[in-house]
Amino acid sequence: MLVSVIIPVFNSERFLLQCLQSVKACPSRDIECIMVNDGSTDGSADICAEFVRDDKRFYLINKDNSGVSDSRNRGLAQAAGEYVFFLDSDDYISVDRWPDILAHAKQGAYDMVAYGYYDLFTSGAIKEERVPENFDISLALLSTTLLNTCWGKLLRRDVIGEHGLKFRKELKTCEDAVFILDFAQKTNNCMLSDIAVMYYRIHLGGAMQNTGLQRRISDFSVLYERRKEYLSENYSEANREAFDRQSFSVVTDLFRTAARNGRIPEVRNTIRECMKNPAITAIMDSTKNARLSRGYKKLEYMMMRRGSYMILAAYFKLKARVTESGR
């Protein structure tokens, strides 16, 4: 078996068919698709069962609801491929990129191949996200969100098994970013591909939007400490500055996401409370305004420093609407 595609499924019938069809379009018989139904209450299980009946490469695991991390761990326990490729059930693979994915898997030259992807906005806008091929892997992990996810990557299964790597079930968000850091720490044999192989759907039904800001900040604190460990083992001034900029950017992205549907007074109060979190305090202390290259980031930093929380709440609410549109 060459590649095991692992798809956690939970109440995703709206997008699931397109996701599974993109896997079924793979021309190789040396792949398998492991669908882990996490106690869905809609028609997701029936859609999965239909693919199992029609294509012997598809397998379905049904279990009680226990979260995406447990679903991915269950998929890993079942996987038989030399590589695993995680895919979320509301995203899909670009069919014409299967030859590139299969070629990398057959060559077997790398323990991880991290691909680019396309952001797919609700407005229909599409934005390509990718890391240049010659980018240093440690710098990429510390400076960009492109490597924050487990999906869209070929990961050698032996590395995962040998080191007992698993997704942390206690985390509701950031669990895949922690997993990828754990994986990257176990091998230097990684490739950053500038090929975009899948579409990542940005919509309000994802875990990030449905998890409260306080919980997201708590989960991010775990990732922040894990990144600090990685930085200490891969230290350079460039990595340190990139780590500071990226950490600050993640915090402001979390605030923006929280502001999307919240009332401004409520968002203001939540941001004020979150600013007391030790991780955010450390980020604010280590982020120098001069290191923030973009003007709007410097503005955000200034407002956060001054405690202008009402203005921040209104600003992030507006920014969320603009970002969601893909502009």
C-alpha atoms as a PDB file:
ATOM      1  CA  MET A   1       0.000   0.000   0.000  1.00  0.00           C
ATOM      2  CA  LEU A   2       1.459   3.329  -1.067  1.00  0.00           C
ATOM      3  CA  VAL A   3      -0.751   6.009   0.528  1.00  0.00           C
ATOM      4  CA  SER A   4      -3.401   5.892   3.245  1.00  0.00           C
ATOM      5  CA  VAL A   5      -5.774   8.854   3.026  1.00  0.00           C
ATOM      6  CA  ILE A   6      -7.325   9.453   6.454  1.00  0.00           C
ATOM      7  CA  ILE A   7     -10.535  11.493   6.658  1.00  0.00           C
ATOM      8  CA  PRO A   8     -12.239  12.297   9.990  1.00  0.00           C
ATOM      9  CA  VAL A   9     -15.966  12.752   9.358  1.00  0.00           C
ATOM     10  CA  PHE A  10     -18.488  14.551  11.544  1.00  0.00           C
ATOM     11  CA  ASN A  11     -21.796  15.950  10.269  1.00  0.00           C
ATOM     12  CA  SER A  12     -20.267  17.019   6.968  1.00  0.00           C
ATOM     13  CA  GLU A  13     -22.794  15.729   4.449  1.00  0.00           C
ATOM     14  CA  ARG A  14     -22.898  19.138   2.730  1.00  0.00           C
ATOM     15  CA  PHE A  15     -19.314  18.839   1.443  1.00  0.00           C
ATOM     16  CA  LEU A  16     -18.455  15.176   1.984  1.00  0.00           C
ATOM     17  CA  LEU A  17     -19.402  13.914  -1.466  1.00  0.00           C
ATOM     18  CA  GLN A  18     -16.981  16.279  -3.223  1.00  0.00           C
ATOM     19  CA  CYS A  19     -14.257  15.337  -0.760  1.00  0.00           C
ATOM     20  CA  LEU A  20     -14.631  11.594  -1.294  1.00  0.00           C
ATOM     21  CA  GLN A  21     -14.997  11.915  -5.054  1.00  0.00           C
ATOM     22  CA  SER A  22     -11.654  13.716  -5.174  1.00  0.00           C
ATOM     23  CA  VAL A  23     -10.036  10.708  -3.501  1.00  0.00           C
ATOM     24  CA  LYS A  24     -11.897   8.174  -5.640  1.00  0.00           C
ATOM     25  CA  ALA A  25     -10.509   9.939  -8.725  1.00  0.00           C
ATOM     26  CA  CYS A  26      -7.001   8.788  -7.793  1.00  0.00           C
ATOM     27  CA  PRO A  27      -5.822   6.580 -10.691  1.00  0.00           C
ATOM     28  CA  SER A  28      -3.755   4.248  -8.483  1.00  0.00           C
ATOM     29  CA  ARG A  29      -5.044   1.070  -6.870  1.00  0.00           C
ATOM     30  CA  ASP A  30      -2.204   1.291  -4.323  1.00  0.00           C
ATOM     31  CA  ILE A  31      -4.035   3.718  -2.066  1.00  0.00           C
ATOM     32  CA  GLU A  32      -6.674   3.314   0.603  1.00  0.00           C
ATOM     33  CA  CYS A  33      -9.125   5.805   2.042  1.00  0.00           C
ATOM     34  CA  ILE A  34      -9.963   5.393   5.722  1.00  0.00           C
ATOM     35  CA  MET A  35     -13.067   7.340   6.718  1.00  0.00           C
ATOM     36  CA  VAL A  36     -13.605   7.678  10.463  1.00  0.00           C
ATOM     37  CA  ASN A  37     -17.195   8.610  11.252  1.00  0.00           C
ATOM     38  CA  ASP A  38     -17.168  10.405  14.598  1.00  0.00           C
ATOM     39  CA  GLY A  39     -20.782   9.789  15.607  1.00  0.00           C
ATOM     40  CA  SER A  40     -22.366  11.886  12.848  1.00  0.00           C
ATOM     41  CA  THR A  41     -26.090  12.531  13.227  1.00  0.00           C
ATOM     42  CA  ASP A  42     -26.699  13.620   9.618  1.00  0.00           C
ATOM     43  CA  GLY A  43     -26.341  11.590   6.435  1.00  0.00           C
ATOM     44  CA  SER A  44     -22.531  11.442   6.487  1.00  0.00           C
ATOM     45  CA  ALA A  45     -22.327   7.764   7.462  1.00  0.00           C
ATOM     46  CA  ASP A  46     -24.623   6.775   4.578  1.00  0.00           C
ATOM     47  CA  ILE A  47     -22.481   8.688   2.087  1.00  0.00           C
ATOM     48  CA  CYS A  48     -19.364   6.950   3.405  1.00  0.00           C
ATOM     49  CA  ALA A  49     -21.051   3.547   3.238  1.00  0.00           C
ATOM     50  CA  GLU A  50     -21.929   4.121  -0.407  1.00  0.00           C
ATOM     51  CA  PHE A  51     -18.261   4.644  -1.286  1.00  0.00           C
ATOM     52  CA  VAL A  52     -17.305   1.490   0.618  1.00  0.00           C
ATOM     53  CA  ARG A  53     -19.781  -0.484  -1.485  1.00  0.00           C
ATOM     54  CA  ASP A  54     -18.572   0.999  -4.775  1.00  0.00           C
ATOM     55  CA  ASP A  55     -14.790   1.073  -4.293  1.00  0.00           C
ATOM     56  CA  LYS A  56     -12.690  -1.517  -2.448  1.00  0.00           C
ATOM     57  CA  ARG A  57     -10.110   1.139  -1.591  1.00  0.00           C
ATOM     58  CA  PHE A  58     -12.533   2.773   0.866  1.00  0.00           C
ATOM     59  CA  TYR A  59     -12.941   1.688   4.491  1.00  0.00           C
ATOM     60  CA  LEU A  60     -15.307   3.045   7.127  1.00  0.00           C
ATOM     61  CA  ILE A  61     -14.819   3.136  10.890  1.00  0.00           C
ATOM     62  CA  ASN A  62     -17.919   4.101  12.879  1.00  0.00           C
ATOM     63  CA  LYS A  63     -17.454   5.247  16.478  1.00  0.00           C
ATOM     64  CA  ASP A  64     -19.104   7.363  19.140  1.00  0.00           C
ATOM     65  CA  ASN A  65     -18.315  11.070  19.060  1.00  0.00           C
ATOM     66  CA  SER A  66     -14.924  11.685  20.681  1.00  0.00           C
ATOM     67  CA  GLY A  67     -13.343  14.457  18.609  1.00  0.00           C
ATOM     68  CA  VAL A  68     -11.154  14.868  15.561  1.00  0.00           C
ATOM     69  CA  SER A  69      -7.897  13.919  17.310  1.00  0.00           C
ATOM     70  CA  ASP A  70      -9.258  10.533  18.352  1.00  0.00           C
ATOM     71  CA  SER A  71     -10.626  10.041  14.825  1.00  0.00           C
ATOM     72  CA  ARG A  72      -7.218  10.683  13.289  1.00  0.00           C
ATOM     73  CA  ASN A  73      -5.548   8.387  15.810  1.00  0.00           C
ATOM     74  CA  ARG A  74      -8.040   5.641  14.952  1.00  0.00           C
ATOM     75  CA  GLY A  75      -7.271   6.152  11.272  1.00  0.00           C
ATOM     76  CA  LEU A  76      -3.541   5.907  11.939  1.00  0.00           C
ATOM     77  CA  ALA A  77      -4.032   2.629  13.806  1.00  0.00           C
ATOM     78  CA  GLN A  78      -5.817   1.198  10.745  1.00  0.00           C
ATOM     79  CA  ALA A  79      -3.488   2.624   8.070  1.00  0.00           C
ATOM     80  CA  ALA A  80      -1.287   0.309   6.018  1.00  0.00           C
ATOM     81  CA  GLY A  81       0.289   2.756   3.555  1.00  0.00           C
ATOM     82  CA  GLU A  82       3.924   3.761   3.415  1.00  0.00           C
ATOM     83  CA  TYR A  83       2.638   7.316   3.706  1.00  0.00           C
ATOM     84  CA  VAL A  84      -0.440   8.851   5.277  1.00  0.00           C
ATOM     85  CA  PHE A  85      -2.252  11.856   3.839  1.00  0.00           C
ATOM     86  CA  PHE A  86      -4.760  13.579   6.111  1.00  0.00           C
ATOM     87  CA  LEU A  87      -7.746  15.272   4.527  1.00  0.00           C
ATOM     88  CA  ASP A  88     -10.635  17.049   6.258  1.00  0.00           C
ATOM     89  CA  SER A  89     -14.130  16.107   5.121  1.00  0.00           C
ATOM     90  CA  ASP A  90     -15.054  19.597   3.929  1.00  0.00           C
ATOM     91  CA  ASP A  91     -11.914  19.952   1.777  1.00  0.00           C
ATOM     92  CA  TYR A  92     -10.936  18.151  -1.399  1.00  0.00           C
ATOM     93  CA  ILE A  93      -7.910  17.154  -3.470  1.00  0.00           C
ATOM     94  CA  SER A  94      -7.234  18.708  -6.857  1.00  0.00           C
ATOM     95  CA  VAL A  95      -7.733  15.685  -9.123  1.00  0.00           C
ATOM     96  CA  ASP A  96      -5.061  16.711 -11.606  1.00  0.00           C
ATOM     97  CA  ARG A  97      -2.463  16.763  -8.807  1.00  0.00           C
ATOM     98  CA  TRP A  98      -2.762  13.081  -7.949  1.00  0.00           C
ATOM     99  CA  PRO A  99       0.156  12.179 -10.280  1.00  0.00           C
ATOM    100  CA  ASP A 100       2.414  14.566  -8.342  1.00  0.00           C
ATOM    101  CA  ILE A 101       1.378  13.123  -4.980  1.00  0.00           C
ATOM    102  CA  LEU A 102       1.839   9.546  -6.192  1.00  0.00           C
ATOM    103  CA  ALA A 103       5.209  10.341  -7.765  1.00  0.00           C
ATOM    104  CA  HIS A 104       6.555  11.691  -4.465  1.00  0.00           C
ATOM    105  CA  ALA A 105       5.206   8.648  -2.612  1.00  0.00           C
ATOM    106  CA  LYS A 106       6.745   6.203  -5.104  1.00  0.00           C
ATOM    107  CA  GLN A 107      10.107   7.949  -4.985  1.00  0.00           C
ATOM    108  CA  GLY A 108      10.073   7.687  -1.203  1.00  0.00           C
ATOM    109  CA  ALA A 109      12.867  10.237  -0.927  1.00  0.00           C
ATOM    110  CA  TYR A 110      11.371  12.254   1.936  1.00  0.00           C
ATOM    111  CA  ASP A 111       9.724  11.564   5.275  1.00  0.00           C
ATOM    112  CA  MET A 112       7.429  14.566   4.786  1.00  0.00           C
ATOM    113  CA  VAL A 113       6.311  16.372   1.667  1.00  0.00           C
ATOM    114  CA  ALA A 114       4.352  19.522   2.553  1.00  0.00           C
ATOM    115  CA  TYR A 115       2.243  20.860  -0.315  1.00  0.00           C
ATOM    116  CA  GLY A 116       0.641  24.195  -0.981  1.00  0.00           C
ATOM    117  CA  TYR A 117      -3.120  24.544  -1.191  1.00  0.00           C
ATOM    118  CA  TYR A 118      -5.906  26.859  -2.294  1.00  0.00           C
ATOM    119  CA  ASP A 119      -8.065  28.805   0.146  1.00  0.00           C
ATOM    120  CA  LEU A 120     -11.672  28.512  -1.026  1.00  0.00           C
ATOM    121  CA  PHE A 121     -13.836  31.329   0.358  1.00  0.00           C
ATOM    122  CA  THR A 122     -17.620  31.344   0.697  1.00  0.00           C
ATOM    123  CA  SER A 123     -17.740  34.144  -1.879  1.00  0.00           C
ATOM    124  CA  GLY A 124     -16.164  31.810  -4.430  1.00  0.00           C
ATOM    125  CA  ALA A 125     -12.824  33.619  -4.326  1.00  0.00           C
ATOM    126  CA  ILE A 126      -9.711  31.433  -4.431  1.00  0.00           C
ATOM    127  CA  LYS A 127      -6.278  32.260  -3.049  1.00  0.00           C
ATOM    128  CA  GLU A 128      -3.181  30.126  -3.496  1.00  0.00           C
ATOM    129  CA  GLU A 129      -1.038  29.428  -0.427  1.00  0.00           C
ATOM    130  CA  ARG A 130       2.408  27.930  -0.786  1.00  0.00           C
ATOM    131  CA  VAL A 131       5.930  27.991   0.610  1.00  0.00           C
ATOM    132  CA  PRO A 132       8.886  28.381  -1.776  1.00  0.00           C
ATOM    133  CA  GLU A 133      10.721  25.081  -2.307  1.00  0.00           C
ATOM    134  CA  ASN A 134      14.053  26.454  -1.068  1.00  0.00           C
ATOM    135  CA  PHE A 135      12.570  27.692   2.222  1.00  0.00           C
ATOM    136  CA  ASP A 136      14.213  26.312   5.366  1.00  0.00           C
ATOM    137  CA  ILE A 137      11.883  23.865   7.131  1.00  0.00           C
ATOM    138  CA  SER A 138      12.505  25.256  10.620  1.00  0.00           C
ATOM    139  CA  LEU A 139      11.877  28.798   9.415  1.00  0.00           C
ATOM    140  CA  ALA A 140       8.692  27.657   7.668  1.00  0.00           C
ATOM    141  CA  LEU A 141       7.399  25.971  10.827  1.00  0.00           C
ATOM    142  CA  LEU A 142       8.036  29.083  12.903  1.00  0.00           C
ATOM    143  CA  SER A 143       7.101  31.806  10.435  1.00  0.00           C
ATOM    144  CA  THR A 144       4.050  30.642   8.516  1.00  0.00           C
ATOM    145  CA  THR A 145       0.663  29.051   9.117  1.00  0.00           C
ATOM    146  CA  LEU A 146       1.142  26.872   6.032  1.00  0.00           C
ATOM    147  CA  LEU A 147       2.714  24.160   8.185  1.00  0.00           C
ATOM    148  CA  ASN A 148       0.218  24.489  11.035  1.00  0.00           C
ATOM    149  CA  THR A 149      -1.951  21.700   9.675  1.00  0.00           C
ATOM    150  CA  CYS A 150      -1.606  17.948   9.326  1.00  0.00           C
ATOM    151  CA  TRP A 151      -3.626  17.861   6.123  1.00  0.00           C
ATOM    152  CA  GLY A 152      -2.151  18.334   2.651  1.00  0.00           C
ATOM    153  CA  LYS A 153       1.065  16.490   3.479  1.00  0.00           C
ATOM    154  CA  LEU A 154       2.615  13.127   2.767  1.00  0.00           C
ATOM    155  CA  LEU A 155       3.880  11.783   6.102  1.00  0.00           C
ATOM    156  CA  ARG A 156       5.930   8.601   6.310  1.00  0.00           C
ATOM    157  CA  ARG A 157       3.973   6.218   8.521  1.00  0.00           C
ATOM    158  CA  ASP A 158       7.099   4.508   9.897  1.00  0.00           C
ATOM    159  CA  VAL A 159       8.231   7.788  11.479  1.00  0.00           C
ATOM    160  CA  ILE A 160       4.852   8.152  13.182  1.00  0.00           C
ATOM    161  CA  GLY A 161       4.870   4.563  14.408  1.00  0.00           C
ATOM    162  CA  GLU A 162       8.510   4.433  15.481  1.00  0.00           C
ATOM    163  CA  HIS A 163       8.139   7.474  17.728  1.00  0.00           C
ATOM    164  CA  GLY A 164       4.588   6.767  18.871  1.00  0.00           C
ATOM    165  CA  LEU A 165       3.290  10.084  17.561  1.00  0.00           C
ATOM    166  CA  LYS A 166      -0.384  10.770  18.241  1.00  0.00           C
ATOM    167  CA  PHE A 167      -2.812  13.649  18.170  1.00  0.00           C
ATOM    168  CA  ARG A 168      -3.493  15.114  21.612  1.00  0.00           C
ATOM    169  CA  LYS A 169      -7.145  14.463  22.377  1.00  0.00           C
ATOM    170  CA  GLU A 170      -7.335  17.126  25.096  1.00  0.00           C
ATOM    171  CA  LEU A 171      -6.836  19.878  22.486  1.00  0.00           C
ATOM    172  CA  LYS A 172      -9.878  21.127  20.589  1.00  0.00           C
ATOM    173  CA  THR A 173      -7.770  23.323  18.282  1.00  0.00           C
ATOM    174  CA  CYS A 174      -4.064  23.503  17.371  1.00  0.00           C
ATOM    175  CA  GLU A 175      -3.803  19.715  17.725  1.00  0.00           C
ATOM    176  CA  ASP A 176      -2.546  19.244  14.176  1.00  0.00           C
ATOM    177  CA  ALA A 177       0.055  22.020  14.488  1.00  0.00           C
ATOM    178  CA  VAL A 178       1.460  20.296  17.582  1.00  0.00           C
ATOM    179  CA  PHE A 179       1.467  16.958  15.725  1.00  0.00           C
ATOM    180  CA  ILE A 180       3.409  18.381  12.777  1.00  0.00           C
ATOM    181  CA  LEU A 181       5.976  19.951  15.115  1.00  0.00           C
ATOM    182  CA  ASP A 182       6.386  16.581  16.824  1.00  0.00           C
ATOM    183  CA  PHE A 183       6.825  14.904  13.444  1.00  0.00           C
ATOM    184  CA  ALA A 184       9.312  17.473  12.110  1.00  0.00           C
ATOM    185  CA  GLN A 185      11.392  17.188  15.261  1.00  0.00           C
ATOM    186  CA  LYS A 186      11.933  13.484  14.569  1.00  0.00           C
ATOM    187  CA  THR A 187      13.356  13.925  11.063  1.00  0.00           C
ATOM    188  CA  ASN A 188      15.267  16.448   8.979  1.00  0.00           C
ATOM    189  CA  ASN A 189      14.233  14.702   5.779  1.00  0.00           C
ATOM    190  CA  CYS A 190      11.422  17.067   4.754  1.00  0.00           C
ATOM    191  CA  MET A 191      10.484  18.702   1.479  1.00  0.00           C
ATOM    192  CA  LEU A 192       8.472  21.872   0.941  1.00  0.00           C
ATOM    193  CA  SER A 193       6.692  21.595  -2.405  1.00  0.00           C
ATOM    194  CA  ASP A 194       5.451  24.680  -4.228  1.00  0.00           C
ATOM    195  CA  ILE A 195       2.666  22.601  -5.810  1.00  0.00           C
ATOM    196  CA  ALA A 196      -0.857  23.314  -4.537  1.00  0.00           C
ATOM    197  CA  VAL A 197      -2.664  19.962  -4.352  1.00  0.00           C
ATOM    198  CA  MET A 198      -5.919  20.624  -2.502  1.00  0.00           C
ATOM    199  CA  TYR A 199      -8.660  23.097  -1.682  1.00  0.00           C
ATOM    200  CA  TYR A 200      -9.163  24.264   1.895  1.00  0.00           C
ATOM    201  CA  ARG A 201     -12.687  25.493   2.468  1.00  0.00           C
ATOM    202  CA  ILE A 202     -13.006  28.593   4.677  1.00  0.00           C
ATOM    203  CA  HIS A 203     -16.482  28.710   6.213  1.00  0.00           C
ATOM    204  CA  LEU A 204     -18.221  29.165   9.536  1.00  0.00           C
ATOM    205  CA  GLY A 205     -18.742  25.487  10.223  1.00  0.00           C
ATOM    206  CA  GLY A 206     -15.173  24.648  11.192  1.00  0.00           C
ATOM    207  CA  ALA A 207     -13.831  23.790  14.629  1.00  0.00           C
ATOM    208  CA  MET A 208     -12.040  27.122  14.925  1.00  0.00           C
ATOM    209  CA  GLN A 209     -15.239  29.141  14.539  1.00  0.00           C
ATOM    210  CA  ASN A 210     -17.220  26.867  16.850  1.00  0.00           C
ATOM    211  CA  THR A 211     -14.762  26.926  19.745  1.00  0.00           C
ATOM    212  CA  GLY A 212     -14.807  29.769  22.271  1.00  0.00           C
ATOM    213  CA  LEU A 213     -11.951  32.264  22.294  1.00  0.00           C
ATOM    214  CA  GLN A 214     -10.857  31.411  25.827  1.00  0.00           C
ATOM    215  CA  ARG A 215     -10.512  27.731  24.880  1.00  0.00           C
ATOM    216  CA  ARG A 216      -8.691  28.603  21.658  1.00  0.00           C
ATOM    217  CA  ILE A 217      -6.219  30.767  23.545  1.00  0.00           C
ATOM    218  CA  SER A 218      -5.687  27.958  26.056  1.00  0.00           C
ATOM    219  CA  ASP A 219      -4.972  25.458  23.258  1.00  0.00           C
ATOM    220  CA  PHE A 220      -2.716  27.948  21.502  1.00  0.00           C
ATOM    221  CA  SER A 221      -0.732  28.352  24.727  1.00  0.00           C
ATOM    222  CA  VAL A 222       0.167  24.655  24.476  1.00  0.00           C
ATOM    223  CA  LEU A 223       1.297  25.141  20.873  1.00  0.00           C
ATOM    224  CA  TYR A 224       3.236  28.291  21.828  1.00  0.00           C
ATOM    225  CA  GLU A 225       5.240  26.418  24.465  1.00  0.00           C
ATOM    226  CA  ARG A 226       5.835  23.560  22.023  1.00  0.00           C
ATOM    227  CA  ARG A 227       7.135  26.037  19.435  1.00  0.00           C
ATOM    228  CA  LYS A 228       9.436  27.595  22.010  1.00  0.00           C
ATOM    229  CA  GLU A 229      10.977  24.164  22.555  1.00  0.00           C
ATOM    230  CA  TYR A 230      11.411  23.708  18.808  1.00  0.00           C
ATOM    231  CA  LEU A 231      12.961  27.178  18.515  1.00  0.00           C
ATOM    232  CA  SER A 232      15.491  26.408  21.233  1.00  0.00           C
ATOM    233  CA  GLU A 233      16.634  23.369  19.260  1.00  0.00           C
ATOM    234  CA  ASN A 234      16.710  25.234  15.935  1.00  0.00           C
ATOM    235  CA  TYR A 235      17.817  28.654  17.115  1.00  0.00           C
ATOM    236  CA  SER A 236      18.845  31.517  14.881  1.00  0.00           C
ATOM    237  CA  GLU A 237      18.068  35.201  15.037  1.00  0.00           C
ATOM    238  CA  ALA A 238      16.009  34.860  11.862  1.00  0.00           C
ATOM    239  CA  ASN A 239      13.996  32.026  13.416  1.00  0.00           C
ATOM    240  CA  ARG A 240      13.517  33.994  16.625  1.00  0.00           C
ATOM    241  CA  GLU A 241      12.182  37.069  14.850  1.00  0.00           C
ATOM    242  CA  ALA A 242       9.951  34.919  12.641  1.00  0.00           C
ATOM    243  CA  PHE A 243       8.631  33.107  15.720  1.00  0.00           C
ATOM    244  CA  ASP A 244       7.756  36.408  17.415  1.00  0.00           C
ATOM    245  CA  ARG A 245       5.993  37.788  14.340  1.00  0.00           C
ATOM    246  CA  GLN A 246       4.056  34.596  13.711  1.00  0.00           C
ATOM    247  CA  SER A 247       2.998  34.206  17.344  1.00  0.00           C
ATOM    248  CA  PHE A 248       1.615  37.733  17.370  1.00  0.00           C
ATOM    249  CA  SER A 249      -0.147  37.114  14.070  1.00  0.00           C
ATOM    250  CA  VAL A 250      -1.829  33.963  15.404  1.00  0.00           C
ATOM    251  CA  VAL A 251      -3.173  35.876  18.405  1.00  0.00           C
ATOM    252  CA  THR A 252      -4.671  38.599  16.216  1.00  0.00           C
ATOM    253  CA  ASP A 253      -6.161  35.934  13.920  1.00  0.00           C
ATOM    254  CA  LEU A 254      -7.828  34.331  16.934  1.00  0.00           C
ATOM    255  CA  PHE A 255      -9.273  37.689  17.959  1.00  0.00           C
ATOM    256  CA  ARG A 256     -10.516  38.273  14.406  1.00  0.00           C
ATOM    257  CA  THR A 257     -12.224  34.883  14.297  1.00  0.00           C
ATOM    258  CA  ALA A 258     -13.912  35.496  17.645  1.00  0.00           C
ATOM    259  CA  ALA A 259     -15.159  38.903  16.530  1.00  0.00           C
ATOM    260  CA  ARG A 260     -16.883  37.517  13.426  1.00  0.00           C
ATOM    261  CA  ASN A 261     -20.234  36.734  15.053  1.00  0.00           C
ATOM    262  CA  GLY A 262     -19.871  38.254  18.502  1.00  0.00           C
ATOM    263  CA  ARG A 263     -21.361  41.513  19.737  1.00  0.00           C
ATOM    264  CA  ILE A 264     -18.731  44.210  20.094  1.00  0.00           C
ATOM    265  CA  PRO A 265     -19.111  44.687  23.908  1.00  0.00           C
ATOM    266  CA  GLU A 266     -18.835  40.923  24.448  1.00  0.00           C
ATOM    267  CA  VAL A 267     -15.823  40.637  22.154  1.00  0.00           C
ATOM    268  CA  ARG A 268     -14.203  43.571  23.951  1.00  0.00           C
ATOM    269  CA  ASN A 269     -14.591  41.876  27.328  1.00  0.00           C
ATOM    270  CA  THR A 270     -13.314  38.541  26.056  1.00  0.00           C
ATOM    271  CA  ILE A 271     -10.238  40.111  24.455  1.00  0.00           C
ATOM    272  CA  ARG A 272      -9.528  41.999  27.681  1.00  0.00           C
ATOM    273  CA  GLU A 273      -9.599  38.754  29.667  1.00  0.00           C
ATOM    274  CA  CYS A 274      -7.512  36.863  27.119  1.00  0.00           C
ATOM    275  CA  MET A 275      -4.816  39.542  27.219  1.00  0.00           C
ATOM    276  CA  LYS A 276      -4.087  38.353  30.779  1.00  0.00           C
ATOM    277  CA  ASN A 277      -3.098  34.904  29.519  1.00  0.00           C
ATOM    278  CA  PRO A 278       0.618  34.255  30.271  1.00  0.00           C
ATOM    279  CA  ALA A 279       1.344  33.182  26.695  1.00  0.00           C
ATOM    280  CA  ILE A 280      -0.142  36.371  25.248  1.00  0.00           C
ATOM    281  CA  THR A 281       1.704  38.447  27.827  1.00  0.00           C
ATOM    282  CA  ALA A 282       4.961  36.778  26.777  1.00  0.00           C
ATOM    283  CA  ILE A 283       4.181  37.340  23.100  1.00  0.00           C
ATOM    284  CA  MET A 284       3.451  41.023  23.640  1.00  0.00           C
ATOM    285  CA  ASP A 285       6.675  41.422  25.628  1.00  0.00           C
ATOM    286  CA  SER A 286       8.829  39.726  22.998  1.00  0.00           C
ATOM    287  CA  THR A 287       7.243  41.301  19.923  1.00  0.00           C
ATOM    288  CA  LYS A 288       8.934  44.543  19.010  1.00  0.00           C
ATOM    289  CA  ASN A 289       6.882  46.929  16.946  1.00  0.00           C
ATOM    290  CA  ALA A 290       9.806  47.436  14.576  1.00  0.00           C
ATOM    291  CA  ARG A 291       9.766  43.705  13.751  1.00  0.00           C
ATOM    292  CA  LEU A 292       6.209  43.882  12.442  1.00  0.00           C
ATOM    293  CA  SER A 293       6.676  44.483   8.745  1.00  0.00           C
ATOM    294  CA  ARG A 294       3.087  45.374   7.828  1.00  0.00           C
ATOM    295  CA  GLY A 295       1.461  48.630   8.824  1.00  0.00           C
ATOM    296  CA  TYR A 296      -1.815  47.075   9.973  1.00  0.00           C
ATOM    297  CA  LYS A 297       0.076  44.711  12.291  1.00  0.00           C
ATOM    298  CA  LYS A 298       1.803  47.674  13.891  1.00  0.00           C
ATOM    299  CA  LEU A 299      -1.608  49.289  14.354  1.00  0.00           C
ATOM    300  CA  GLU A 300      -2.967  46.140  16.014  1.00  0.00           C
ATOM    301  CA  TYR A 301       0.069  45.963  18.280  1.00  0.00           C
ATOM    302  CA  MET A 302      -0.358  49.590  19.315  1.00  0.00           C
ATOM    303  CA  MET A 303      -4.064  49.159  20.130  1.00  0.00           C
ATOM    304  CA  MET A 304      -3.355  46.015  22.146  1.00  0.00           C
ATOM    305  CA  ARG A 305      -0.542  47.753  24.031  1.00  0.00           C
ATOM    306  CA  ARG A 306      -2.792  50.700  24.853  1.00  0.00           C
ATOM    307  CA  GLY A 307      -5.709  48.514  25.890  1.00  0.00           C
ATOM    308  CA  SER A 308      -8.066  49.989  23.279  1.00  0.00           C
ATOM    309  CA  TYR A 309     -10.307  46.940  23.476  1.00  0.00           C
ATOM    310  CA  MET A 310     -13.543  48.474  22.222  1.00  0.00           C
ATOM    311  CA  ILE A 311     -11.787  49.798  19.132  1.00  0.00           C
ATOM    312  CA  LEU A 312     -10.017  46.441  18.715  1.00  0.00           C
ATOM    313  CA  ALA A 313     -13.316  44.562  18.838  1.00  0.00           C
ATOM    314  CA  ALA A 314     -14.869  46.766  16.158  1.00  0.00           C
ATOM    315  CA  TYR A 315     -11.706  46.608  14.047  1.00  0.00           C
ATOM    316  CA  PHE A 316     -11.494  42.795  14.156  1.00  0.00           C
ATOM    317  CA  LYS A 317     -15.196  42.457  13.380  1.00  0.00           C
ATOM    318  CA  LEU A 318     -14.725  44.491  10.216  1.00  0.00           C
ATOM    319  CA  LYS A 319     -11.539  42.646   9.340  1.00  0.00           C
ATOM    320  CA  ALA A 320     -13.298  39.275   9.727  1.00  0.00           C
ATOM    321  CA  ARG A 321     -15.904  40.230   7.132  1.00  0.00           C
ATOM    322  CA  VAL A 322     -13.272  41.407   4.680  1.00  0.00           C
ATOM    323  CA  THR A 323     -11.124  38.300   5.211  1.00  0.00           C
ATOM    324  CA  GLU A 324     -14.037  35.907   4.779  1.00  0.00           C
ATOM    325  CA  SER A 325     -14.857  37.432   1.418  1.00  0.00           C
ATOM    326  CA  GLY A 326     -11.337  36.622   0.184  1.00  0.00           C
ATOM    327  CA  ARG A 327     -10.444  40.241  -0.532  1.00  0.00           C
END
